[in-house]
């Protein structure tokens, strides 16, 4: 029988290419996650999801956190941090041992995971997440807990999410420069999946497309867990840049046009609507030399870039093996999902059902922070509150992580199995 949870504070920071957002929540005794404060600032010093200027990025983090603290009426000294770029890689290490038909014990499971040490090669990267997938008995998969069953052969695929060392170090250093300890660096898709996907979707098979400002992550969930991911170095800011370049206007004006008038769907009526370009970032209105832009011209630029991104998404899904009966459901989230017609465009191009994923599960979250752009932020709170969090390796700048020590990774996996299955 589980004991009642003690109330605790959970803080999360999502450092993206366009914005830095922070959230402070309290997990109540009955397990509810109550939002106490949120904050958001323009992201500076971040390029394609990676830290390019620590001082600028640290200021963005500090201001977002201070805003959340003022609303919550308290100060925090630590946070869970999302990481959506930085050479992210995913691998499955298959392991199998012979049992001779005997009944499976916990020692057999430990031996199986120990046998996987030669198959987990970090290649100089840092392992941020390590998780055994469903077990297989005599080649038949789908077993969550094999202990107590009989089999001649016991197998499992160990899923590992890796990241390059330098982006991880820089992200950690940036948050600590803002006088905050890092509870853990969490890969974006791992957190986002908890916020946007239902348990049934994760179990039956679903693809999650996080259409961010500068990075698009494509991940696949099967059997209740993340089993693969691909990163595309393109996002919504590339649409903005295309608009600014084609029409010779400022980025602030291009962003405004994209957000208020842009669409990934076209209509014959678009040719009749001439758009107001609006002021630049300094409030200066366009003069008589300003270009004449119709909605049709704008959306032609938008659709061309979206087509390119969706093509790469389709290739990523193919690489991840997202086919067959479990390869039909796609969930689109991230700031790019707020582009008008994005889901419909992707559904038509991929030939799969696409829905927009919005974060759920938090009480009293402000409407401004409840959209797809904040899925990772909300997911970090879910991840921190999850009773299964200990099965992840988390992030520690220790010699064994940097050197990719396999015994240490295996020990964490073994603890995960004992505690969660």
Foldseek 3Di string as FASTA:
>chain_A
DDDFDPKDKAKEWEQAQFKIKIWIWIQHRVGATATQFMFMDTAPQADLQFGNDLVRRLVRNLRGQVRRCVSNVHHAAAHAYEGADAAKWKDWFKWKDFDQFDADALVNVLVRLVRSLVRDDQPLWFWAWKAKAFKAAPNRTDHNARHGPTGRMIMIIIMTITGHDVRVVSVQVSNVVSNHHHPFYDYQVQLLCVFFPDQVLLALKEWEWAAAQQKIKIWMHHNRGTRTIDIDRGHNVVLLVLQCVVQVHDSQLSVVCQLPQEALDDDPCQQVAWDQSAADPVRHGDDPPHDTDTSRNSHVSVNVVLVVVLVVNLVRCVVVVLDDPNNAHYEYFAPRVSGHHSQVNSCVVNVHHYYYTWGDRHPPDDPVCGGRNNSSNSSSVVLVSDPLNQLTPGDDPDPCSSVVPSVVNSVSNSVSSVRPD
